[in-house]
């Protein structure tokens, strides 16, 4: 499996999912309160998205995250197998 293709697909799905969520949001607010005891500080993020983007956006974003993790696993396996092949032959990476 080509990890570069999986990485590109994950980037597209992440962009599509976040675009659906934030592109169709309305009446969203962000609030931050700082306080002297750190336990009293708060951060509030409210995103209001209605309809099919509210259902499809998170699903597509999670698929993008899973593909990103798969691309990472493929890249690690490819790197380990190349290093083991180099160690057996005693040559440099090609």
PDB file of N, CA and C in Angstrom:
ATOM      1  N   UNK A   1       0.837  -1.174   0.000  1.00  0.00           N
ATOM      2  CA  UNK A   1       0.000   0.000   0.000  1.00  0.00           C
ATOM      3  C   UNK A   1       0.880   1.234   0.000  1.00  0.00           C
ATOM      4  N   UNK A   2       0.505   2.220  -0.786  1.00  0.00           N
ATOM      5  CA  UNK A   2       1.272   3.435  -0.909  1.00  0.00           C
ATOM      6  C   UNK A   2       0.825   4.424   0.165  1.00  0.00           C
ATOM      7  N   UNK A   3       1.730   4.747   1.095  1.00  0.00           N
ATOM      8  CA  UNK A   3       1.349   5.616   2.204  1.00  0.00           C
ATOM      9  C   UNK A   3       1.091   7.044   1.750  1.00  0.00           C
ATOM     10  N   UNK A   4       1.682   7.469   0.629  1.00  0.00           N
ATOM     11  CA  UNK A   4       1.463   8.831   0.152  1.00  0.00           C
ATOM     12  C   UNK A   4       0.022   9.022  -0.317  1.00  0.00           C
ATOM     13  N   UNK A   5      -0.538   8.024  -0.975  1.00  0.00           N
ATOM     14  CA  UNK A   5      -1.927   8.124  -1.426  1.00  0.00           C
ATOM     15  C   UNK A   5      -2.890   8.125  -0.254  1.00  0.00           C
ATOM     16  N   UNK A   6      -2.616   7.317   0.744  1.00  0.00           N
ATOM     17  CA  UNK A   6      -3.465   7.282   1.927  1.00  0.00           C
ATOM     18  C   UNK A   6      -3.383   8.620   2.665  1.00  0.00           C
ATOM     19  N   UNK A   7      -2.190   9.208   2.721  1.00  0.00           N
ATOM     20  CA  UNK A   7      -2.016  10.512   3.362  1.00  0.00           C
ATOM     21  C   UNK A   7      -2.799  11.593   2.621  1.00  0.00           C
ATOM     22  N   UNK A   8      -2.732  11.596   1.294  1.00  0.00           N
ATOM     23  CA  UNK A   8      -3.486  12.588   0.520  1.00  0.00           C
ATOM     24  C   UNK A   8      -4.985  12.409   0.713  1.00  0.00           C
ATOM     25  N   UNK A   9      -5.463  11.174   0.742  1.00  0.00           N
ATOM     26  CA  UNK A   9      -6.884  10.922   0.961  1.00  0.00           C
ATOM     27  C   UNK A   9      -7.317  11.390   2.351  1.00  0.00           C
ATOM     28  N   UNK A  10      -6.467  11.190   3.349  1.00  0.00           N
ATOM     29  CA  UNK A  10      -6.813  11.627   4.701  1.00  0.00           C
ATOM     30  C   UNK A  10      -6.885  13.146   4.782  1.00  0.00           C
ATOM     31  N   UNK A  11      -5.983  13.838   4.093  1.00  0.00           N
ATOM     32  CA  UNK A  11      -6.010  15.306   4.097  1.00  0.00           C
ATOM     33  C   UNK A  11      -7.281  15.812   3.427  1.00  0.00           C
ATOM     34  N   UNK A  12      -7.670  15.184   2.323  1.00  0.00           N
ATOM     35  CA  UNK A  12      -8.897  15.586   1.632  1.00  0.00           C
ATOM     36  C   UNK A  12     -10.119  15.355   2.520  1.00  0.00           C
ATOM     37  N   UNK A  13     -10.185  14.206   3.190  1.00  0.00           N
ATOM     38  CA  UNK A  13     -11.331  13.921   4.050  1.00  0.00           C
ATOM     39  C   UNK A  13     -11.375  14.836   5.270  1.00  0.00           C
ATOM     40  N   UNK A  14     -10.216  15.143   5.847  1.00  0.00           N
ATOM     41  CA  UNK A  14     -10.190  16.072   6.973  1.00  0.00           C
ATOM     42  C   UNK A  14     -10.658  17.459   6.552  1.00  0.00           C
ATOM     43  N   UNK A  15     -10.188  17.927   5.393  1.00  0.00           N
ATOM     44  CA  UNK A  15     -10.604  19.242   4.908  1.00  0.00           C
ATOM     45  C   UNK A  15     -12.098  19.262   4.587  1.00  0.00           C
ATOM     46  N   UNK A  16     -12.601  18.198   3.986  1.00  0.00           N
ATOM     47  CA  UNK A  16     -14.020  18.126   3.648  1.00  0.00           C
ATOM     48  C   UNK A  16     -14.883  18.091   4.904  1.00  0.00           C
ATOM     49  N   UNK A  17     -14.511  17.283   5.875  1.00  0.00           N
ATOM     50  CA  UNK A  17     -15.287  17.185   7.110  1.00  0.00           C
ATOM     51  C   UNK A  17     -15.306  18.486   7.889  1.00  0.00           C
ATOM     52  N   UNK A  18     -14.139  19.108   8.053  1.00  0.00           N
ATOM     53  CA  UNK A  18     -14.101  20.384   8.771  1.00  0.00           C
ATOM     54  C   UNK A  18     -14.774  21.493   7.967  1.00  0.00           C
ATOM     55  N   UNK A  19     -14.678  21.430   6.650  1.00  0.00           N
ATOM     56  CA  UNK A  19     -15.362  22.410   5.813  1.00  0.00           C
ATOM     57  C   UNK A  19     -16.865  22.310   5.949  1.00  0.00           C
ATOM     58  N   UNK A  20     -17.382  21.090   6.024  1.00  0.00           N
ATOM     59  CA  UNK A  20     -18.818  20.915   6.226  1.00  0.00           C
ATOM     60  C   UNK A  20     -19.254  21.434   7.594  1.00  0.00           C
ATOM     61  N   UNK A  21     -18.484  21.129   8.601  1.00  0.00           N
ATOM     62  CA  UNK A  21     -18.858  21.544   9.958  1.00  0.00           C
ATOM     63  C   UNK A  21     -18.817  23.067  10.087  1.00  0.00           C
ATOM     64  N   UNK A  22     -17.694  23.676   9.691  1.00  0.00           N
ATOM     65  CA  UNK A  22     -17.534  25.114   9.901  1.00  0.00           C
ATOM     66  C   UNK A  22     -18.141  25.950   8.780  1.00  0.00           C
ATOM     67  N   UNK A  23     -18.337  25.385   7.611  1.00  0.00           N
ATOM     68  CA  UNK A  23     -18.932  26.128   6.514  1.00  0.00           C
ATOM     69  C   UNK A  23     -20.415  26.372   6.694  1.00  0.00           C
ATOM     70  N   UNK A  24     -21.087  25.474   7.381  1.00  0.00           N
ATOM     71  CA  UNK A  24     -22.528  25.596   7.589  1.00  0.00           C
ATOM     72  C   UNK A  24     -22.875  25.979   9.029  1.00  0.00           C
ATOM     73  N   UNK A  25     -21.909  26.428   9.814  1.00  0.00           N
ATOM     74  CA  UNK A  25     -22.215  26.797  11.190  1.00  0.00           C
ATOM     75  C   UNK A  25     -22.795  28.210  11.248  1.00  0.00           C
ATOM     76  N   UNK A  26     -23.578  28.462  12.263  1.00  0.00           N
ATOM     77  CA  UNK A  26     -24.182  29.771  12.484  1.00  0.00           C
ATOM     78  C   UNK A  26     -24.343  29.992  13.984  1.00  0.00           C
ATOM     79  N   UNK A  27     -24.383  31.234  14.398  1.00  0.00           N
ATOM     80  CA  UNK A  27     -24.549  31.600  15.805  1.00  0.00           C
ATOM     81  C   UNK A  27     -23.520  30.911  16.704  1.00  0.00           C
ATOM     82  N   UNK A  28     -22.287  30.847  16.242  1.00  0.00           N
ATOM     83  CA  UNK A  28     -21.241  30.204  17.033  1.00  0.00           C
ATOM     84  C   UNK A  28     -20.555  31.244  17.912  1.00  0.00           C
ATOM     85  N   UNK A  29     -20.161  30.812  19.078  1.00  0.00           N
ATOM     86  CA  UNK A  29     -19.505  31.719  20.017  1.00  0.00           C
ATOM     87  C   UNK A  29     -18.274  31.042  20.609  1.00  0.00           C
ATOM     88  N   UNK A  30     -17.310  31.879  20.953  1.00  0.00           N
ATOM     89  CA  UNK A  30     -16.119  31.416  21.653  1.00  0.00           C
ATOM     90  C   UNK A  30     -15.925  32.335  22.847  1.00  0.00           C
ATOM     91  N   UNK A  31     -15.764  31.758  24.012  1.00  0.00           N
ATOM     92  CA  UNK A  31     -15.559  32.552  25.218  1.00  0.00           C
ATOM     93  C   UNK A  31     -14.397  32.014  26.032  1.00  0.00           C
ATOM     94  N   UNK A  32     -13.605  32.940  26.567  1.00  0.00           N
ATOM     95  CA  UNK A  32     -12.472  32.551  27.403  1.00  0.00           C
ATOM     96  C   UNK A  32     -12.451  33.459  28.620  1.00  0.00           C
ATOM     97  N   UNK A  33     -12.368  32.876  29.791  1.00  0.00           N
ATOM     98  CA  UNK A  33     -12.271  33.619  31.034  1.00  0.00           C
ATOM     99  C   UNK A  33     -11.017  33.184  31.766  1.00  0.00           C
ATOM    100  N   UNK A  34     -10.153  34.138  32.065  1.00  0.00           N
ATOM    101  CA  UNK A  34      -8.949  33.857  32.839  1.00  0.00           C
ATOM    102  C   UNK A  34      -9.206  34.244  34.292  1.00  0.00           C
ATOM    103  N   UNK A  35      -8.700  33.465  35.208  1.00  0.00           N
ATOM    104  CA  UNK A  35      -8.898  33.737  36.624  1.00  0.00           C
ATOM    105  C   UNK A  35      -7.620  33.407  37.383  1.00  0.00           C
ATOM    106  N   UNK A  36      -7.499  33.994  38.565  1.00  0.00           N
ATOM    107  CA  UNK A  36      -6.273  33.791  39.342  1.00  0.00           C
ATOM    108  C   UNK A  36      -6.077  32.341  39.761  1.00  0.00           C
ATOM    109  N   UNK A  37      -6.993  31.688  40.443  1.00  0.00           N
ATOM    110  CA  UNK A  37      -6.760  30.255  40.595  1.00  0.00           C
ATOM    111  C   UNK A  37      -7.059  29.581  39.248  1.00  0.00           C
ATOM    112  N   UNK A  38      -6.136  28.821  38.786  1.00  0.00           N
ATOM    113  CA  UNK A  38      -6.266  28.218  37.452  1.00  0.00           C
ATOM    114  C   UNK A  38      -7.511  27.349  37.328  1.00  0.00           C
ATOM    115  N   UNK A  39      -8.008  26.827  38.417  1.00  0.00           N
ATOM    116  CA  UNK A  39      -9.194  25.987  38.346  1.00  0.00           C
ATOM    117  C   UNK A  39     -10.449  26.789  38.002  1.00  0.00           C
ATOM    118  N   UNK A  40     -10.406  28.107  38.131  1.00  0.00           N
ATOM    119  CA  UNK A  40     -11.566  28.937  37.814  1.00  0.00           C
ATOM    120  C   UNK A  40     -11.549  29.423  36.368  1.00  0.00           C
ATOM    121  N   UNK A  41     -10.477  29.189  35.636  1.00  0.00           N
ATOM    122  CA  UNK A  41     -10.410  29.598  34.234  1.00  0.00           C
ATOM    123  C   UNK A  41     -11.290  28.688  33.390  1.00  0.00           C
ATOM    124  N   UNK A  42     -11.857  29.258  32.297  1.00  0.00           N
ATOM    125  CA  UNK A  42     -12.747  28.448  31.464  1.00  0.00           C
ATOM    126  C   UNK A  42     -12.611  28.837  30.003  1.00  0.00           C
ATOM    127  N   UNK A  43     -12.852  27.871  29.140  1.00  0.00           N
ATOM    128  CA  UNK A  43     -12.879  28.065  27.691  1.00  0.00           C
ATOM    129  C   UNK A  43     -14.152  27.406  27.192  1.00  0.00           C
ATOM    130  N   UNK A  44     -14.970  28.181  26.470  1.00  0.00           N
ATOM    131  CA  UNK A  44     -16.234  27.655  25.966  1.00  0.00           C
ATOM    132  C   UNK A  44     -16.288  27.893  24.473  1.00  0.00           C
ATOM    133  N   UNK A  45     -16.477  26.802  23.711  1.00  0.00           N
ATOM    134  CA  UNK A  45     -16.601  26.871  22.264  1.00  0.00           C
ATOM    135  C   UNK A  45     -17.937  26.241  21.886  1.00  0.00           C
ATOM    136  N   UNK A  46     -18.789  27.022  21.223  1.00  0.00           N
ATOM    137  CA  UNK A  46     -20.105  26.541  20.815  1.00  0.00           C
ATOM    138  C   UNK A  46     -20.189  26.652  19.299  1.00  0.00           C
ATOM    139  N   UNK A  47     -20.407  25.532  18.633  1.00  0.00           N
ATOM    140  CA  UNK A  47     -20.539  25.492  17.181  1.00  0.00           C
ATOM    141  C   UNK A  47     -21.929  24.942  16.872  1.00  0.00           C
ATOM    142  N   UNK A  48     -22.749  25.740  16.228  1.00  0.00           N
ATOM    143  CA  UNK A  48     -24.102  25.315  15.866  1.00  0.00           C
ATOM    144  C   UNK A  48     -24.149  25.022  14.377  1.00  0.00           C
ATOM    145  N   UNK A  49     -24.309  23.757  14.037  1.00  0.00           N
ATOM    146  CA  UNK A  49     -24.454  23.328  12.653  1.00  0.00           C
ATOM    147  C   UNK A  49     -25.689  22.450  12.580  1.00  0.00           C
ATOM    148  N   UNK A  50     -26.569  22.756  11.651  1.00  0.00           N
ATOM    149  CA  UNK A  50     -27.823  22.010  11.523  1.00  0.00           C
ATOM    150  C   UNK A  50     -27.859  21.242  10.213  1.00  0.00           C
ATOM    151  N   UNK A  51     -28.691  20.198  10.180  1.00  0.00           N
ATOM    152  CA  UNK A  51     -28.945  19.474   8.943  1.00  0.00           C
ATOM    153  C   UNK A  51     -27.910  18.407   8.655  1.00  0.00           C
ATOM    154  N   UNK A  52     -27.801  18.070   7.364  1.00  0.00           N
ATOM    155  CA  UNK A  52     -26.910  16.985   6.961  1.00  0.00           C
ATOM    156  C   UNK A  52     -25.433  17.293   7.200  1.00  0.00           C
ATOM    157  N   UNK A  53     -24.956  18.549   7.158  1.00  0.00           N
ATOM    158  CA  UNK A  53     -23.543  18.766   7.491  1.00  0.00           C
ATOM    159  C   UNK A  53     -23.216  18.408   8.938  1.00  0.00           C
ATOM    160  N   UNK A  54     -24.201  18.530   9.831  1.00  0.00           N
ATOM    161  CA  UNK A  54     -23.974  18.173  11.231  1.00  0.00           C
ATOM    162  C   UNK A  54     -23.820  16.669  11.409  1.00  0.00           C
ATOM    163  N   UNK A  55     -24.412  15.888  10.510  1.00  0.00           N
ATOM    164  CA  UNK A  55     -24.303  14.432  10.610  1.00  0.00           C
ATOM    165  C   UNK A  55     -23.124  13.894   9.803  1.00  0.00           C
ATOM    166  N   UNK A  56     -22.871  14.472   8.631  1.00  0.00           N
ATOM    167  CA  UNK A  56     -21.835  13.957   7.735  1.00  0.00           C
ATOM    168  C   UNK A  56     -20.454  14.473   8.112  1.00  0.00           C
ATOM    169  N   UNK A  57     -20.363  15.729   8.546  1.00  0.00           N
ATOM    170  CA  UNK A  57     -19.069  16.342   8.853  1.00  0.00           C
ATOM    171  C   UNK A  57     -18.225  15.583   9.862  1.00  0.00           C
ATOM    172  N   UNK A  58     -18.764  15.255  11.036  1.00  0.00           N
ATOM    173  CA  UNK A  58     -17.959  14.503  12.007  1.00  0.00           C
ATOM    174  C   UNK A  58     -17.565  13.104  11.518  1.00  0.00           C
ATOM    175  N   UNK A  59     -18.446  12.459  10.772  1.00  0.00           N
ATOM    176  CA  UNK A  59     -18.134  11.114  10.257  1.00  0.00           C
ATOM    177  C   UNK A  59     -16.968  11.185   9.271  1.00  0.00           C
ATOM    178  N   UNK A  60     -17.008  12.153   8.366  1.00  0.00           N
ATOM    179  CA  UNK A  60     -15.936  12.301   7.380  1.00  0.00           C
ATOM    180  C   UNK A  60     -14.630  12.706   8.074  1.00  0.00           C
ATOM    181  N   UNK A  61     -14.723  13.544   9.098  1.00  0.00           N
ATOM    182  CA  UNK A  61     -13.526  13.944   9.845  1.00  0.00           C
ATOM    183  C   UNK A  61     -12.903  12.748  10.559  1.00  0.00           C
ATOM    184  N   UNK A  62     -13.711  11.905  11.172  1.00  0.00           N
ATOM    185  CA  UNK A  62     -13.190  10.706  11.853  1.00  0.00           C
ATOM    186  C   UNK A  62     -12.564   9.751  10.842  1.00  0.00           C
ATOM    187  N   UNK A  63     -13.165   9.595   9.666  1.00  0.00           N
ATOM    188  CA  UNK A  63     -12.555   8.763   8.621  1.00  0.00           C
ATOM    189  C   UNK A  63     -11.197   9.323   8.195  1.00  0.00           C
ATOM    190  N   UNK A  64     -11.103  10.640   8.096  1.00  0.00           N
ATOM    191  CA  UNK A  64      -9.827  11.263   7.766  1.00  0.00           C
ATOM    192  C   UNK A  64      -8.768  11.006   8.822  1.00  0.00           C
ATOM    193  N   UNK A  65      -9.163  11.052  10.094  1.00  0.00           N
ATOM    194  CA  UNK A  65      -8.224  10.775  11.184  1.00  0.00           C
ATOM    195  C   UNK A  65      -7.767   9.317  11.137  1.00  0.00           C
ATOM    196  N   UNK A  66      -8.689   8.407  10.879  1.00  0.00           N
ATOM    197  CA  UNK A  66      -8.319   6.990  10.785  1.00  0.00           C
ATOM    198  C   UNK A  66      -7.380   6.736   9.610  1.00  0.00           C
ATOM    199  N   UNK A  67      -7.638   7.384   8.472  1.00  0.00           N
ATOM    200  CA  UNK A  67      -6.730   7.235   7.333  1.00  0.00           C
ATOM    201  C   UNK A  67      -5.361   7.844   7.624  1.00  0.00           C
ATOM    202  N   UNK A  68      -5.340   8.931   8.383  1.00  0.00           N
ATOM    203  CA  UNK A  68      -4.063   9.531   8.764  1.00  0.00           C
ATOM    204  C   UNK A  68      -3.250   8.582   9.640  1.00  0.00           C
ATOM    205  N   UNK A  69      -3.916   7.910  10.561  1.00  0.00           N
ATOM    206  CA  UNK A  69      -3.221   6.916  11.394  1.00  0.00           C
ATOM    207  C   UNK A  69      -2.756   5.724  10.559  1.00  0.00           C
ATOM    208  N   UNK A  70      -3.564   5.316   9.574  1.00  0.00           N
ATOM    209  CA  UNK A  70      -3.162   4.218   8.692  1.00  0.00           C
ATOM    210  C   UNK A  70      -1.944   4.614   7.859  1.00  0.00           C
ATOM    211  N   UNK A  71      -1.921   5.851   7.372  1.00  0.00           N
ATOM    212  CA  UNK A  71      -0.761   6.317   6.599  1.00  0.00           C
ATOM    213  C   UNK A  71       0.495   6.327   7.463  1.00  0.00           C
ATOM    214  N   UNK A  72       0.355   6.710   8.721  1.00  0.00           N
ATOM    215  CA  UNK A  72       1.486   6.680   9.633  1.00  0.00           C
ATOM    216  C   UNK A  72       1.982   5.253   9.836  1.00  0.00           C
ATOM    217  N   UNK A  73       1.059   4.313  10.017  1.00  0.00           N
ATOM    218  CA  UNK A  73       1.447   2.908  10.203  1.00  0.00           C
ATOM    219  C   UNK A  73       2.138   2.362   8.956  1.00  0.00           C
ATOM    220  N   UNK A  74       1.607   2.680   7.756  1.00  0.00           N
ATOM    221  CA  UNK A  74       2.235   2.220   6.517  1.00  0.00           C
ATOM    222  C   UNK A  74       3.641   2.791   6.361  1.00  0.00           C
ATOM    223  N   UNK A  75       3.819   4.058   6.715  1.00  0.00           N
ATOM    224  CA  UNK A  75       5.136   4.684   6.593  1.00  0.00           C
ATOM    225  C   UNK A  75       6.138   4.054   7.564  1.00  0.00           C
ATOM    226  N   UNK A  76       5.691   3.737   8.775  1.00  0.00           N
ATOM    227  CA  UNK A  76       6.585   3.112   9.757  1.00  0.00           C
ATOM    228  C   UNK A  76       6.973   1.718   9.289  1.00  0.00           C
ATOM    229  N   UNK A  77       6.014   0.941   8.804  1.00  0.00           N
ATOM    230  CA  UNK A  77       6.304  -0.409   8.315  1.00  0.00           C
ATOM    231  C   UNK A  77       7.256  -0.356   7.135  1.00  0.00           C
ATOM    232  N   UNK A  78       7.049   0.582   6.238  1.00  0.00           N
ATOM    233  CA  UNK A  78       7.923   0.719   5.071  1.00  0.00           C
ATOM    234  C   UNK A  78       9.340   1.086   5.499  1.00  0.00           C
ATOM    235  N   UNK A  79       9.466   2.010   6.457  1.00  0.00           N
ATOM    236  CA  UNK A  79      10.786   2.427   6.928  1.00  0.00           C
ATOM    237  C   UNK A  79      11.502   1.276   7.630  1.00  0.00           C
ATOM    238  N   UNK A  80      10.804   0.523   8.454  1.00  0.00           N
ATOM    239  CA  UNK A  80      11.419  -0.594   9.169  1.00  0.00           C
ATOM    240  C   UNK A  80      11.853  -1.676   8.192  1.00  0.00           C
ATOM    241  N   UNK A  81      11.030  -1.975   7.201  1.00  0.00           N
ATOM    242  CA  UNK A  81      11.396  -3.019   6.247  1.00  0.00           C
ATOM    243  C   UNK A  81      12.579  -2.592   5.379  1.00  0.00           C
ATOM    244  N   UNK A  82      12.669  -1.304   5.045  1.00  0.00           N
ATOM    245  CA  UNK A  82      13.830  -0.833   4.284  1.00  0.00           C
ATOM    246  C   UNK A  82      15.093  -0.916   5.115  1.00  0.00           C
ATOM    247  N   UNK A  83      15.014  -0.570   6.388  1.00  0.00           N
ATOM    248  CA  UNK A  83      16.199  -0.621   7.255  1.00  0.00           C
ATOM    249  C   UNK A  83      16.650  -2.064   7.489  1.00  0.00           C
ATOM    250  N   UNK A  84      15.702  -2.981   7.603  1.00  0.00           N
ATOM    251  CA  UNK A  84      16.077  -4.382   7.782  1.00  0.00           C
ATOM    252  C   UNK A  84      16.711  -4.936   6.517  1.00  0.00           C
ATOM    253  N   UNK A  85      16.214  -4.529   5.356  1.00  0.00           N
ATOM    254  CA  UNK A  85      16.818  -4.956   4.092  1.00  0.00           C
ATOM    255  C   UNK A  85      18.211  -4.410   3.933  1.00  0.00           C
ATOM    256  N   UNK A  86      18.443  -3.188   4.375  1.00  0.00           N
ATOM    257  CA  UNK A  86      19.768  -2.579   4.299  1.00  0.00           C
ATOM    258  C   UNK A  86      20.728  -3.262   5.264  1.00  0.00           C
ATOM    259  N   UNK A  87      20.241  -3.629   6.445  1.00  0.00           N
ATOM    260  CA  UNK A  87      21.100  -4.291   7.420  1.00  0.00           C
ATOM    261  C   UNK A  87      21.527  -5.674   6.934  1.00  0.00           C
ATOM    262  N   UNK A  88      20.661  -6.361   6.203  1.00  0.00           N
ATOM    263  CA  UNK A  88      21.008  -7.686   5.697  1.00  0.00           C
ATOM    264  C   UNK A  88      22.057  -7.604   4.598  1.00  0.00           C
ATOM    265  N   UNK A  89      21.913  -6.614   3.695  1.00  0.00           N
ATOM    266  CA  UNK A  89      22.840  -6.528   2.567  1.00  0.00           C
ATOM    267  C   UNK A  89      24.090  -5.740   2.894  1.00  0.00           C
ATOM    268  N   UNK A  90      24.019  -4.901   3.929  1.00  0.00           N
ATOM    269  CA  UNK A  90      25.175  -4.117   4.307  1.00  0.00           C
ATOM    270  C   UNK A  90      25.387  -2.896   3.416  1.00  0.00           C
ATOM    271  N   UNK A  91      24.434  -2.578   2.573  1.00  0.00           N
ATOM    272  CA  UNK A  91      24.570  -1.439   1.659  1.00  0.00           C
ATOM    273  C   UNK A  91      23.770  -0.243   2.128  1.00  0.00           C
ATOM    274  N   UNK A  92      23.847   0.810   1.337  1.00  0.00           N
ATOM    275  CA  UNK A  92      23.124   2.017   1.634  1.00  0.00           C
ATOM    276  C   UNK A  92      21.698   1.908   1.078  1.00  0.00           C
ATOM    277  N   UNK A  93      20.818   2.804   1.581  1.00  0.00           N
ATOM    278  CA  UNK A  93      19.448   2.838   1.070  1.00  0.00           C
ATOM    279  C   UNK A  93      19.434   3.301  -0.356  1.00  0.00           C
ATOM    280  N   UNK A  94      18.595   2.679  -1.162  1.00  0.00           N
ATOM    281  CA  UNK A  94      18.528   3.101  -2.574  1.00  0.00           C
ATOM    282  C   UNK A  94      17.357   4.003  -2.811  1.00  0.00           C
TER     283      UNK A  94
END
